[in-house]
Amino acid sequence: SSLQGVYHRPQEHVVSSWSAARRLKISRPTVYRLRQAGFLSPPTTRKSAGIRGGKYSCKKSFEDFVAVHISLNELIERSGRSADDEFNYQISNGALPLPLGLQSTMIFRRADVA
């Protein structure tokens, strides 16, 4: 039928903002800021309004981001330090968080953290 091509076209793998936030241990608004700043890419081949509406990111861009970045909350979990102590420890060792704004969960480049 003429609709067969529509139903069987390849769909880009996506990750929801909720899933991204849980995996990175950050807030959903921080995920939106990551998209706005270009760290996460929106899906390009899925065309439904829900997919385009900002609640999803391209899974490949998300996986690439996770491989290179780590959130302050993940660092706290690993070290057992308080948030302030972990932040001060990372800053004193030269790591700077991504410039996402003061209301965002802090995220560092993995290569920069001690």
C-alpha atoms as a PDB file:
ATOM      1  CA  SER A   1       0.000   0.000   0.000  1.00  0.00           C
ATOM      2  CA  SER A   2       1.035   3.626  -0.378  1.00  0.00           C
ATOM      3  CA  LEU A   3       1.321   4.059   3.414  1.00  0.00           C
ATOM      4  CA  GLN A   4       3.820   1.232   3.833  1.00  0.00           C
ATOM      5  CA  GLY A   5       6.772   3.590   3.308  1.00  0.00           C
ATOM      6  CA  VAL A   6       5.457   5.931   6.016  1.00  0.00           C
ATOM      7  CA  TYR A   7       5.093   3.212   8.642  1.00  0.00           C
ATOM      8  CA  HIS A   8       8.401   1.498   7.893  1.00  0.00           C
ATOM      9  CA  ARG A   9      10.743   4.439   7.530  1.00  0.00           C
ATOM     10  CA  PRO A  10      13.703   4.336   9.934  1.00  0.00           C
ATOM     11  CA  GLN A  11      13.238   6.251  13.159  1.00  0.00           C
ATOM     12  CA  GLU A  12      16.040   7.923  15.032  1.00  0.00           C
ATOM     13  CA  HIS A  13      16.607   6.615  18.557  1.00  0.00           C
ATOM     14  CA  VAL A  14      15.708   9.209  21.171  1.00  0.00           C
ATOM     15  CA  VAL A  15      16.044   9.666  24.920  1.00  0.00           C
ATOM     16  CA  SER A  16      13.456  11.547  26.965  1.00  0.00           C
ATOM     17  CA  SER A  17      14.466  14.496  29.127  1.00  0.00           C
ATOM     18  CA  TRP A  18      13.207  12.570  32.166  1.00  0.00           C
ATOM     19  CA  SER A  19      15.441   9.578  31.347  1.00  0.00           C
ATOM     20  CA  ALA A  20      18.421  11.823  30.623  1.00  0.00           C
ATOM     21  CA  ALA A  21      17.931  13.641  33.933  1.00  0.00           C
ATOM     22  CA  ARG A  22      17.754  10.386  35.895  1.00  0.00           C
ATOM     23  CA  ARG A  23      20.818   8.909  34.223  1.00  0.00           C
ATOM     24  CA  LEU A  24      22.943  12.045  34.697  1.00  0.00           C
ATOM     25  CA  LYS A  25      21.461  12.752  38.155  1.00  0.00           C
ATOM     26  CA  ILE A  26      20.496  16.280  37.126  1.00  0.00           C
ATOM     27  CA  SER A  27      17.244  18.247  36.929  1.00  0.00           C
ATOM     28  CA  ARG A  28      15.058  18.226  33.831  1.00  0.00           C
ATOM     29  CA  PRO A  29      15.477  22.006  33.399  1.00  0.00           C
ATOM     30  CA  THR A  30      19.230  21.345  33.203  1.00  0.00           C
ATOM     31  CA  VAL A  31      18.582  18.841  30.398  1.00  0.00           C
ATOM     32  CA  TYR A  32      16.624  21.544  28.536  1.00  0.00           C
ATOM     33  CA  ARG A  33      19.526  23.973  29.058  1.00  0.00           C
ATOM     34  CA  LEU A  34      21.928  21.366  27.659  1.00  0.00           C
ATOM     35  CA  ARG A  35      19.782  21.225  24.531  1.00  0.00           C
ATOM     36  CA  GLN A  36      19.567  25.016  24.290  1.00  0.00           C
ATOM     37  CA  ALA A  37      23.353  25.274  24.644  1.00  0.00           C
ATOM     38  CA  GLY A  38      23.901  22.688  21.901  1.00  0.00           C
ATOM     39  CA  PHE A  39      25.375  19.936  24.105  1.00  0.00           C
ATOM     40  CA  LEU A  40      22.427  17.642  23.225  1.00  0.00           C
ATOM     41  CA  SER A  41      20.898  17.471  19.760  1.00  0.00           C
ATOM     42  CA  PRO A  42      17.178  17.353  19.055  1.00  0.00           C
ATOM     43  CA  PRO A  43      15.943  14.425  16.965  1.00  0.00           C
ATOM     44  CA  THR A  44      16.038  15.167  13.254  1.00  0.00           C
ATOM     45  CA  THR A  45      14.099  12.320  11.642  1.00  0.00           C
ATOM     46  CA  ARG A  46      11.124  11.923  13.995  1.00  0.00           C
ATOM     47  CA  LYS A  47       8.435  14.400  13.108  1.00  0.00           C
ATOM     48  CA  SER A  48       5.613  14.031  15.647  1.00  0.00           C
ATOM     49  CA  ALA A  49       4.854  17.090  17.761  1.00  0.00           C
ATOM     50  CA  GLY A  50       5.733  15.279  21.003  1.00  0.00           C
ATOM     51  CA  ILE A  51       9.165  14.293  19.734  1.00  0.00           C
ATOM     52  CA  ARG A  52       9.900  17.747  18.296  1.00  0.00           C
ATOM     53  CA  GLY A  53       8.568  19.589  21.348  1.00  0.00           C
ATOM     54  CA  GLY A  54      11.799  19.614  23.340  1.00  0.00           C
ATOM     55  CA  LYS A  55      11.174  16.632  25.597  1.00  0.00           C
ATOM     56  CA  TYR A  56      13.516  14.346  23.638  1.00  0.00           C
ATOM     57  CA  SER A  57      17.129  14.366  22.517  1.00  0.00           C
ATOM     58  CA  CYS A  58      18.949  12.293  19.938  1.00  0.00           C
ATOM     59  CA  LYS A  59      20.217   9.200  21.775  1.00  0.00           C
ATOM     60  CA  LYS A  60      23.603   9.302  20.037  1.00  0.00           C
ATOM     61  CA  SER A  61      24.254  12.898  21.141  1.00  0.00           C
ATOM     62  CA  PHE A  62      23.207  11.928  24.674  1.00  0.00           C
ATOM     63  CA  GLU A  63      25.525   8.899  24.771  1.00  0.00           C
ATOM     64  CA  ASP A  64      28.380  11.021  23.405  1.00  0.00           C
ATOM     65  CA  PHE A  65      27.713  13.643  26.102  1.00  0.00           C
ATOM     66  CA  VAL A  66      27.624  11.064  28.926  1.00  0.00           C
ATOM     67  CA  ALA A  67      30.953   9.622  27.783  1.00  0.00           C
ATOM     68  CA  VAL A  68      32.656  13.012  28.199  1.00  0.00           C
ATOM     69  CA  HIS A  69      30.748  14.691  31.084  1.00  0.00           C
ATOM     70  CA  ILE A  70      29.791  13.954  34.693  1.00  0.00           C
ATOM     71  CA  SER A  71      27.402  15.772  37.018  1.00  0.00           C
ATOM     72  CA  LEU A  72      28.296  17.122  40.441  1.00  0.00           C
ATOM     73  CA  ASN A  73      25.693  14.753  41.903  1.00  0.00           C
ATOM     74  CA  GLU A  74      27.460  11.749  40.366  1.00  0.00           C
ATOM     75  CA  LEU A  75      30.776  12.980  41.797  1.00  0.00           C
ATOM     76  CA  ILE A  76      29.175  13.392  45.248  1.00  0.00           C
ATOM     77  CA  GLU A  77      27.841   9.833  45.067  1.00  0.00           C
ATOM     78  CA  ARG A  78      31.294   8.488  44.244  1.00  0.00           C
ATOM     79  CA  SER A  79      33.269  10.507  46.775  1.00  0.00           C
ATOM     80  CA  GLY A  80      30.873  10.680  49.721  1.00  0.00           C
ATOM     81  CA  ARG A  81      31.695  14.385  50.168  1.00  0.00           C
ATOM     82  CA  SER A  82      29.039  17.059  50.712  1.00  0.00           C
ATOM     83  CA  ALA A  83      27.963  19.123  47.696  1.00  0.00           C
ATOM     84  CA  ASP A  84      29.974  22.142  48.857  1.00  0.00           C
ATOM     85  CA  ASP A  85      33.051  20.065  49.620  1.00  0.00           C
ATOM     86  CA  GLU A  86      32.907  18.250  46.271  1.00  0.00           C
ATOM     87  CA  PHE A  87      32.413  21.508  44.350  1.00  0.00           C
ATOM     88  CA  ASN A  88      35.315  23.173  46.191  1.00  0.00           C
ATOM     89  CA  TYR A  89      37.495  20.106  45.667  1.00  0.00           C
ATOM     90  CA  GLN A  90      36.867  20.096  41.911  1.00  0.00           C
ATOM     91  CA  ILE A  91      37.343  23.860  41.558  1.00  0.00           C
ATOM     92  CA  SER A  92      40.590  23.735  43.571  1.00  0.00           C
ATOM     93  CA  ASN A  93      41.844  21.072  41.132  1.00  0.00           C
ATOM     94  CA  GLY A  94      41.067  23.259  38.110  1.00  0.00           C
ATOM     95  CA  ALA A  95      37.767  21.756  36.954  1.00  0.00           C
ATOM     96  CA  LEU A  96      35.140  24.261  35.823  1.00  0.00           C
ATOM     97  CA  PRO A  97      31.442  23.432  35.363  1.00  0.00           C
ATOM     98  CA  LEU A  98      29.757  23.897  32.001  1.00  0.00           C
ATOM     99  CA  PRO A  99      28.346  27.434  31.609  1.00  0.00           C
ATOM    100  CA  LEU A 100      24.651  26.540  31.945  1.00  0.00           C
ATOM    101  CA  GLY A 101      23.547  29.197  34.428  1.00  0.00           C
ATOM    102  CA  LEU A 102      23.261  29.356  38.187  1.00  0.00           C
ATOM    103  CA  GLN A 103      20.001  27.385  38.429  1.00  0.00           C
ATOM    104  CA  SER A 104      21.391  24.367  36.588  1.00  0.00           C
ATOM    105  CA  THR A 105      22.855  21.245  38.135  1.00  0.00           C
ATOM    106  CA  MET A 106      26.627  21.515  37.718  1.00  0.00           C
ATOM    107  CA  ILE A 107      28.248  19.322  35.099  1.00  0.00           C
ATOM    108  CA  PHE A 108      31.969  18.886  34.536  1.00  0.00           C
ATOM    109  CA  ARG A 109      34.088  17.401  31.773  1.00  0.00           C
ATOM    110  CA  ARG A 110      35.266  13.981  32.931  1.00  0.00           C
ATOM    111  CA  ALA A 111      38.814  14.768  31.773  1.00  0.00           C
ATOM    112  CA  ASP A 112      38.914  17.785  34.130  1.00  0.00           C
ATOM    113  CA  VAL A 113      37.702  16.183  37.369  1.00  0.00           C
ATOM    114  CA  ALA A 114      40.090  14.892  39.989  1.00  0.00           C
END
